[in-house]
Amino acid sequence: MYLMISTYLRPLPEVDAARPDHFAFMDRLEADGHVVGAGRQESGTGGIVLLRAGSADEARRLMADDPYVLRGLATYEPVGWTVTRGPLAAL
């Protein structure tokens, strides 16, 4: 699994204007079984997407078509994560 840590590159109102398109994109990834969870960071400076992906390259490819990325609103940095405890460990 990979935590995709996003950093917003533009002011929040610009990011929020693209949010419906971002949500539609995330809906497709979730329907395909890639998204385990996602949400905005409390700081409002970015978000986190927990992806089922076999490598950092795959995780980057999955997020490359995010409207936030395509419109220059955000970048994502993959962080590999092996869950060993709790309900997510079974994934």
Foldseek 3Di string as FASTA:
>chain_A
DKKWWKFFPDDLVVVVVCVVQLVVLVVVCVVVPFFPDKDADPVNGTIITRTPDDDQVRVCVSCCPRPCNVVVGMHIDIDDDQDDDDPVNVD
